[in-house]
C-alpha atoms as a PDB file:
ATOM      1  CA  MET A   1      17.367  -9.042  -1.102  1.00  0.00           C
ATOM      2  CA  PRO A   2      14.830  -6.018  -1.289  1.00  0.00           C
ATOM      3  CA  LEU A   3      11.987  -5.328   0.926  1.00  0.00           C
ATOM      4  CA  ILE A   4       8.830  -6.148  -0.339  1.00  0.00           C
ATOM      5  CA  VAL A   5       5.602  -4.282   0.454  1.00  0.00           C
ATOM      6  CA  SER A   6       2.078  -5.838  -1.039  1.00  0.00           C
ATOM      7  CA  PHE A   7      -1.075  -3.973  -1.043  1.00  0.00           C
ATOM      8  CA  VAL A   8      -4.091  -6.593  -1.078  1.00  0.00           C
ATOM      9  CA  SER A   9      -7.626  -6.292  -0.625  1.00  0.00           C
ATOM     10  CA  GLN A  10     -11.109  -8.346  -1.114  1.00  0.00           C
ATOM     11  CA  LYS A  11     -12.395  -5.355  -3.181  1.00  0.00           C
ATOM     12  CA  GLY A  12     -11.163  -2.647  -5.565  1.00  0.00           C
ATOM     13  CA  GLY A  13     -11.931   1.157  -4.686  1.00  0.00           C
ATOM     14  CA  VAL A  14     -10.420   0.856  -1.550  1.00  0.00           C
ATOM     15  CA  GLY A  15      -7.111   3.034  -1.850  1.00  0.00           C
ATOM     16  CA  LYS A  16      -5.181  -0.140  -2.566  1.00  0.00           C
ATOM     17  CA  SER A  17      -3.069   2.092  -5.643  1.00  0.00           C
ATOM     18  CA  THR A  18      -2.916   5.111  -3.979  1.00  0.00           C
ATOM     19  CA  LEU A  19      -1.129   4.043  -1.321  1.00  0.00           C
ATOM     20  CA  ALA A  20       1.329   1.561  -3.285  1.00  0.00           C
ATOM     21  CA  ARG A  21       1.731   5.012  -5.802  1.00  0.00           C
ATOM     22  CA  ALA A  22       2.436   7.109  -2.576  1.00  0.00           C
ATOM     23  CA  LEU A  23       5.109   4.636  -1.118  1.00  0.00           C
ATOM     24  CA  ALA A  24       6.816   4.445  -4.095  1.00  0.00           C
ATOM     25  CA  ALA A  25       6.720   8.067  -4.526  1.00  0.00           C
ATOM     26  CA  VAL A  26       8.559   8.418  -0.922  1.00  0.00           C
ATOM     27  CA  GLY A  27      10.902   5.925  -1.868  1.00  0.00           C
ATOM     28  CA  ALA A  28      12.228   7.488  -4.806  1.00  0.00           C
ATOM     29  CA  SER A  29      12.486  10.502  -3.170  1.00  0.00           C
ATOM     30  CA  GLY A  30      14.392   8.853  -0.565  1.00  0.00           C
ATOM     31  CA  ARG A  31      16.944   7.716  -3.426  1.00  0.00           C
ATOM     32  CA  LEU A  32      15.630   4.183  -2.945  1.00  0.00           C
ATOM     33  CA  ARG A  33      15.805   1.928  -5.901  1.00  0.00           C
ATOM     34  CA  VAL A  34      12.103   1.306  -6.179  1.00  0.00           C
ATOM     35  CA  LYS A  35       9.896  -1.145  -8.375  1.00  0.00           C
ATOM     36  CA  LEU A  36       6.422  -0.612  -8.616  1.00  0.00           C
ATOM     37  CA  ALA A  37       4.829  -3.738  -9.686  1.00  0.00           C
ATOM     38  CA  ASP A  38       1.001  -3.711 -11.465  1.00  0.00           C
ATOM     39  CA  LEU A  39      -0.301  -7.438 -11.062  1.00  0.00           C
ATOM     40  CA  ASP A  40      -3.453  -6.612 -12.388  1.00  0.00           C
ATOM     41  CA  ILE A  41      -2.963  -6.867 -16.028  1.00  0.00           C
ATOM     42  CA  GLN A  42      -6.111  -5.468 -17.190  1.00  0.00           C
ATOM     43  CA  GLN A  43      -6.734  -2.649 -15.344  1.00  0.00           C
ATOM     44  CA  GLN A  44      -2.911  -1.464 -15.436  1.00  0.00           C
ATOM     45  CA  THR A  45      -3.481   1.673 -12.922  1.00  0.00           C
ATOM     46  CA  ALA A  46      -0.190   1.884 -11.561  1.00  0.00           C
ATOM     47  CA  VAL A  47       1.656   1.519 -15.006  1.00  0.00           C
ATOM     48  CA  ARG A  48      -0.750   4.622 -16.185  1.00  0.00           C
ATOM     49  CA  TRP A  49      -0.011   6.566 -13.280  1.00  0.00           C
ATOM     50  CA  GLY A  50       3.785   5.675 -14.151  1.00  0.00           C
ATOM     51  CA  LYS A  51       3.426   6.715 -17.612  1.00  0.00           C
ATOM     52  CA  ALA A  52       2.154   9.990 -16.728  1.00  0.00           C
ATOM     53  CA  ARG A  53       4.869  10.562 -14.096  1.00  0.00           C
ATOM     54  CA  GLN A  54       7.623  10.153 -16.967  1.00  0.00           C
ATOM     55  CA  LYS A  55       6.422  13.306 -18.414  1.00  0.00           C
ATOM     56  CA  ARG A  56       6.949  15.094 -15.210  1.00  0.00           C
ATOM     57  CA  ALA A  57      10.633  16.084 -14.956  1.00  0.00           C
ATOM     58  CA  ALA A  58      10.323  17.725 -11.522  1.00  0.00           C
ATOM     59  CA  VAL A  59       9.421  13.922  -9.661  1.00  0.00           C
ATOM     60  CA  SER A  60      11.445  11.368  -8.357  1.00  0.00           C
ATOM     61  CA  PRO A  61      11.180   8.750 -11.367  1.00  0.00           C
ATOM     62  CA  VAL A  62       9.688   5.114 -10.265  1.00  0.00           C
ATOM     63  CA  GLU A  63      10.010   2.128 -12.459  1.00  0.00           C
ATOM     64  CA  VAL A  64       6.650   0.887 -13.023  1.00  0.00           C
ATOM     65  CA  GLY A  65       5.621  -2.060 -14.827  1.00  0.00           C
ATOM     66  CA  ALA A  66       2.600  -5.090 -15.483  1.00  0.00           C
ATOM     67  CA  PHE A  67       2.980  -8.311 -14.763  1.00  0.00           C
ATOM     68  CA  ARG A  68       1.394 -11.368 -15.278  1.00  0.00           C
ATOM     69  CA  THR A  69       2.641 -13.306 -12.126  1.00  0.00           C
ATOM     70  CA  PHE A  70       4.446 -12.471  -8.795  1.00  0.00           C
ATOM     71  CA  GLU A  71       7.255 -14.524 -10.007  1.00  0.00           C
ATOM     72  CA  ASP A  72       7.631 -12.450 -12.958  1.00  0.00           C
ATOM     73  CA  ALA A  73       7.916  -9.149 -11.393  1.00  0.00           C
ATOM     74  CA  LEU A  74      10.542 -10.734  -9.010  1.00  0.00           C
ATOM     75  CA  GLU A  75      12.962 -11.609 -11.825  1.00  0.00           C
ATOM     76  CA  ASP A  76      14.867  -8.636 -11.648  1.00  0.00           C
ATOM     77  CA  ARG A  77      14.616  -8.195  -7.655  1.00  0.00           C
ATOM     78  CA  ASP A  78      18.527  -7.730  -7.056  1.00  0.00           C
ATOM     79  CA  ALA A  79      18.468  -4.412  -8.818  1.00  0.00           C
ATOM     80  CA  PHE A  80      16.032  -3.002  -6.167  1.00  0.00           C
ATOM     81  CA  ASP A  81      15.842  -1.723  -2.648  1.00  0.00           C
ATOM     82  CA  LEU A  82      12.149  -2.029  -2.311  1.00  0.00           C
ATOM     83  CA  ILE A  83       9.429  -3.675  -4.603  1.00  0.00           C
ATOM     84  CA  ILE A  84       6.284  -2.719  -4.015  1.00  0.00           C
ATOM     85  CA  VAL A  85       3.521  -4.961  -5.322  1.00  0.00           C
ATOM     86  CA  ASP A  86       0.078  -3.694  -6.136  1.00  0.00           C
ATOM     87  CA  THR A  87      -2.476  -6.324  -6.551  1.00  0.00           C
ATOM     88  CA  PRO A  88      -5.624  -6.813  -8.186  1.00  0.00           C
ATOM     89  CA  GLY A  89      -9.224  -5.535  -6.294  1.00  0.00           C
ATOM     90  CA  HIS A  90      -9.830  -9.197  -5.179  1.00  0.00           C
ATOM     91  CA  THR A  91      -8.030 -12.124  -3.744  1.00  0.00           C
ATOM     92  CA  SER A  92      -6.855 -15.435  -5.635  1.00  0.00           C
ATOM     93  CA  ALA A  93      -4.426 -17.844  -5.164  1.00  0.00           C
ATOM     94  CA  ALA A  94      -1.856 -15.787  -6.025  1.00  0.00           C
ATOM     95  CA  THR A  95      -2.530 -13.796  -3.223  1.00  0.00           C
ATOM     96  CA  SER A  96      -1.383 -16.315  -0.685  1.00  0.00           C
ATOM     97  CA  THR A  97       2.067 -15.934  -2.927  1.00  0.00           C
ATOM     98  CA  VAL A  98       2.556 -12.641  -2.448  1.00  0.00           C
ATOM     99  CA  ALA A  99       1.592 -12.005   1.228  1.00  0.00           C
ATOM    100  CA  ARG A 100       4.010 -15.382   2.146  1.00  0.00           C
ATOM    101  CA  ALA A 101       6.916 -13.292   0.167  1.00  0.00           C
ATOM    102  CA  SER A 102       6.527  -9.835   1.575  1.00  0.00           C
ATOM    103  CA  HIS A 103       7.990  -8.276   4.263  1.00  0.00           C
ATOM    104  CA  VAL A 104       4.640  -6.395   5.171  1.00  0.00           C
ATOM    105  CA  ILE A 105       1.342  -6.567   3.925  1.00  0.00           C
ATOM    106  CA  VAL A 106      -0.868  -3.686   4.011  1.00  0.00           C
ATOM    107  CA  VAL A 107      -4.811  -3.892   3.507  1.00  0.00           C
ATOM    108  CA  PRO A 108      -6.120  -0.766   2.910  1.00  0.00           C
ATOM    109  CA  THR A 109      -9.914  -0.149   3.459  1.00  0.00           C
ATOM    110  CA  SER A 110     -12.370   2.893   3.491  1.00  0.00           C
ATOM    111  CA  ALA A 111     -14.162   3.629   6.846  1.00  0.00           C
ATOM    112  CA  THR A 112     -17.632   1.971   5.874  1.00  0.00           C
ATOM    113  CA  ILE A 113     -18.808  -1.679   7.315  1.00  0.00           C
ATOM    114  CA  ASP A 114     -19.173  -2.884   4.000  1.00  0.00           C
ATOM    115  CA  ASP A 115     -15.417  -2.293   3.513  1.00  0.00           C
ATOM    116  CA  LEU A 116     -14.092  -3.083   6.823  1.00  0.00           C
ATOM    117  CA  TYR A 117     -16.107  -6.574   7.267  1.00  0.00           C
ATOM    118  CA  PRO A 118     -14.135  -8.103   4.222  1.00  0.00           C
ATOM    119  CA  THR A 119     -11.086  -6.296   5.468  1.00  0.00           C
ATOM    120  CA  VAL A 120     -11.519  -8.299   8.887  1.00  0.00           C
ATOM    121  CA  LEU A 121     -11.933 -11.369   6.689  1.00  0.00           C
ATOM    122  CA  LEU A 122      -9.206 -10.821   4.577  1.00  0.00           C
ATOM    123  CA  LEU A 123      -6.963 -10.682   7.740  1.00  0.00           C
ATOM    124  CA  HIS A 124      -8.183 -13.733   9.248  1.00  0.00           C
ATOM    125  CA  ALA A 125      -7.517 -15.401   5.923  1.00  0.00           C
ATOM    126  CA  LEU A 126      -3.736 -14.462   6.105  1.00  0.00           C
ATOM    127  CA  GLU A 127      -2.956 -15.555   9.403  1.00  0.00           C
ATOM    128  CA  GLU A 128      -4.739 -18.775   8.608  1.00  0.00           C
ATOM    129  CA  ILE A 129      -2.061 -19.422   6.043  1.00  0.00           C
ATOM    130  CA  GLY A 130       0.645 -18.394   8.567  1.00  0.00           C
ATOM    131  CA  ILE A 131       1.427 -14.792   8.084  1.00  0.00           C
ATOM    132  CA  PRO A 132       2.323 -13.478  11.291  1.00  0.00           C
ATOM    133  CA  ARG A 133       0.240 -10.338  12.788  1.00  0.00           C
ATOM    134  CA  SER A 134       3.489  -8.536  12.698  1.00  0.00           C
ATOM    135  CA  ARG A 135       3.403  -8.149   8.969  1.00  0.00           C
ATOM    136  CA  LEU A 136       0.108  -7.156   8.666  1.00  0.00           C
ATOM    137  CA  ALA A 137      -1.130  -3.521   8.852  1.00  0.00           C
ATOM    138  CA  VAL A 138      -4.625  -1.738   8.043  1.00  0.00           C
ATOM    139  CA  ALA A 139      -4.246   1.438   6.079  1.00  0.00           C
ATOM    140  CA  LEU A 140      -7.613   3.694   6.158  1.00  0.00           C
ATOM    141  CA  CYS A 141      -8.827   5.560   3.317  1.00  0.00           C
ATOM    142  CA  ARG A 142     -11.469   7.726   1.546  1.00  0.00           C
ATOM    143  CA  VAL A 143     -12.627   9.044   5.103  1.00  0.00           C
ATOM    144  CA  LEU A 144     -15.050  11.712   4.766  1.00  0.00           C
ATOM    145  CA  ASP A 145     -14.922  12.973   8.722  1.00  0.00           C
ATOM    146  CA  ALA A 146     -13.478  11.880  11.922  1.00  0.00           C
ATOM    147  CA  GLU A 147     -16.627  10.119  13.150  1.00  0.00           C
ATOM    148  CA  GLU A 148     -16.126   7.624  10.330  1.00  0.00           C
ATOM    149  CA  GLU A 149     -12.460   7.325  11.095  1.00  0.00           C
ATOM    150  CA  ASN A 150     -13.322   6.622  14.891  1.00  0.00           C
ATOM    151  CA  VAL A 151     -15.833   4.191  13.974  1.00  0.00           C
ATOM    152  CA  ALA A 152     -13.252   2.403  11.771  1.00  0.00           C
ATOM    153  CA  ARG A 153     -10.365   2.576  14.703  1.00  0.00           C
ATOM    154  CA  ASP A 154     -12.983   1.078  16.916  1.00  0.00           C
ATOM    155  CA  TYR A 155     -14.002  -1.900  14.448  1.00  0.00           C
ATOM    156  CA  VAL A 156     -10.335  -2.853  13.703  1.00  0.00           C
ATOM    157  CA  ASP A 157      -9.217  -2.653  17.237  1.00  0.00           C
ATOM    158  CA  ALA A 158     -11.931  -4.942  18.195  1.00  0.00           C
ATOM    159  CA  ALA A 159     -10.828  -7.664  15.844  1.00  0.00           C
ATOM    160  CA  GLY A 160      -7.360  -7.456  17.231  1.00  0.00           C
ATOM    161  CA  TYR A 161      -5.326  -5.622  14.114  1.00  0.00           C
ATOM    162  CA  GLU A 162      -3.187  -2.898  13.672  1.00  0.00           C
ATOM    163  CA  LEU A 163      -4.596   0.156  12.134  1.00  0.00           C
ATOM    164  CA  LEU A 164      -1.881   2.274  11.150  1.00  0.00           C
ATOM    165  CA  PRO A 165      -2.283   6.027  12.523  1.00  0.00           C
ATOM    166  CA  GLY A 166      -3.328   8.462  10.116  1.00  0.00           C
ATOM    167  CA  TYR A 167      -5.895   8.126   6.969  1.00  0.00           C
ATOM    168  CA  ILE A 168      -6.242   9.279   3.646  1.00  0.00           C
ATOM    169  CA  PRO A 169      -9.021  11.820   3.325  1.00  0.00           C
ATOM    170  CA  GLU A 170     -11.793  11.760   0.222  1.00  0.00           C
ATOM    171  CA  ARG A 171     -10.375  14.219  -1.801  1.00  0.00           C
ATOM    172  CA  SER A 172     -10.302  15.408  -5.316  1.00  0.00           C
ATOM    173  CA  THR A 173      -7.334  17.283  -5.307  1.00  0.00           C
ATOM    174  CA  TYR A 174      -5.516  13.444  -4.628  1.00  0.00           C
ATOM    175  CA  ARG A 175      -7.515  12.286  -7.915  1.00  0.00           C
ATOM    176  CA  ASN A 176      -6.477  15.004 -10.039  1.00  0.00           C
ATOM    177  CA  ALA A 177      -2.678  15.178  -8.816  1.00  0.00           C
ATOM    178  CA  GLN A 178      -2.435  11.155  -9.697  1.00  0.00           C
ATOM    179  CA  ASN A 179      -4.234  11.930 -12.932  1.00  0.00           C
ATOM    180  CA  ARG A 180      -0.958  13.863 -13.356  1.00  0.00           C
ATOM    181  CA  GLY A 181       1.448  11.059 -12.375  1.00  0.00           C
ATOM    182  CA  GLN A 182       2.007  12.562  -8.888  1.00  0.00           C
ATOM    183  CA  ALA A 183       1.369  11.021  -5.576  1.00  0.00           C
ATOM    184  CA  LEU A 184      -0.755  12.163  -2.761  1.00  0.00           C
ATOM    185  CA  THR A 185       2.565  13.030  -0.665  1.00  0.00           C
ATOM    186  CA  GLU A 186       3.354  15.574  -3.960  1.00  0.00           C
ATOM    187  CA  THR A 187       0.180  17.863  -3.370  1.00  0.00           C
ATOM    188  CA  ILE A 188      -0.614  20.817  -0.982  1.00  0.00           C
ATOM    189  CA  ASP A 189      -3.844  20.489   0.534  1.00  0.00           C
ATOM    190  CA  GLY A 190      -3.387  22.035   4.320  1.00  0.00           C
ATOM    191  CA  SER A 191      -4.845  19.745   7.064  1.00  0.00           C
ATOM    192  CA  ALA A 192      -5.815  17.050   4.635  1.00  0.00           C
ATOM    193  CA  ASN A 193      -2.087  16.370   3.773  1.00  0.00           C
ATOM    194  CA  GLU A 194      -1.610  16.260   7.572  1.00  0.00           C
ATOM    195  CA  SER A 195      -3.446  12.607   8.016  1.00  0.00           C
ATOM    196  CA  ALA A 196      -2.391  11.679   5.049  1.00  0.00           C
ATOM    197  CA  ASN A 197       1.619  12.111   5.630  1.00  0.00           C
ATOM    198  CA  LEU A 198       1.050  10.776   8.850  1.00  0.00           C
ATOM    199  CA  LEU A 199      -0.376   7.499   7.549  1.00  0.00           C
ATOM    200  CA  ILE A 200       2.330   7.167   4.791  1.00  0.00           C
ATOM    201  CA  GLU A 201       5.173   8.220   8.069  1.00  0.00           C
ATOM    202  CA  SER A 202       3.403   5.554  10.060  1.00  0.00           C
ATOM    203  CA  LEU A 203       3.121   2.907   6.815  1.00  0.00           C
ATOM    204  CA  LEU A 204       7.481   3.786   6.544  1.00  0.00           C
ATOM    205  CA  ARG A 205       7.961   3.259  10.351  1.00  0.00           C
ATOM    206  CA  LYS A 206       6.056  -0.315  10.080  1.00  0.00           C
ATOM    207  CA  ILE A 207       8.593  -0.932   7.158  1.00  0.00           C
ATOM    208  CA  ALA A 208      11.385   0.231   9.142  1.00  0.00           C
ATOM    209  CA  ALA A 209      10.578  -2.201  12.112  1.00  0.00           C
ATOM    210  CA  GLN A 210      10.038  -5.292  10.023  1.00  0.00           C
ATOM    211  CA  SER A 211      13.348  -4.537   8.251  1.00  0.00           C
ATOM    212  CA  ALA A 212      15.483  -4.129  11.467  1.00  0.00           C
ATOM    213  CA  GLY A 213      13.546  -7.482  12.493  1.00  0.00           C
ATOM    214  CA  MET A 214      15.020  -9.270   9.383  1.00  0.00           C
ATOM    215  CA  ARG A 215      18.356  -7.793  10.196  1.00  0.00           C
ATOM    216  CA  ASN A 216      18.326  -8.897  13.929  1.00  0.00           C
ATOM    217  CA  GLY A 217      16.502 -12.440  12.798  1.00  0.00           C
ATOM    218  CA  THR A 218      13.963 -11.567  15.111  1.00  0.00           C
ATOM    219  CA  ASP A 219      11.297 -11.417  12.413  1.00  0.00           C
ATOM    220  CA  ASP A 220       8.136 -13.816  12.884  1.00  0.00           C
END
């Protein structure tokens, strides 16, 4: 059975697809069989990125597809080691289905209260349907400066949820790279890459811990 990592949010524009693509690229570079499932059938952000990526022979290939339902995305699950689910930029009845089947659920947010507040509401809602906190992780994106980061960390910490170390700075470099079919981990942007790489490394450790828990039968 593959590991399933889903990216969910209450609203768009918080870095969900950016993180999903970065994880897919890192997984593929590590020789995992990776599938990036785009459930936003209208926007198909991940699919457009995947098509641009196919033109770049120097990067690790990632299988990307658009699917109307989560069940459709899982039809060939046995062919993959890691399935990454990029959900639409809003919650729906399908969000519960995705979350229950996922080994790690990542909730990206910017550092503004306008995004942090619905993020915590979503985390509460996921807990109410039985998702243990051990499977939940908040990822900080679109950060402008250290002050914003500190405010966000205090907010999420006060709510009692895990905010992964590192963050994605707001950078035109990252947007341009994704337009070319690259992930943010495949760019060179000095200190900005340090914080972004730390976030991806933190996410990988979270996934590895959940995988170990599954093997040992200690996953909640």
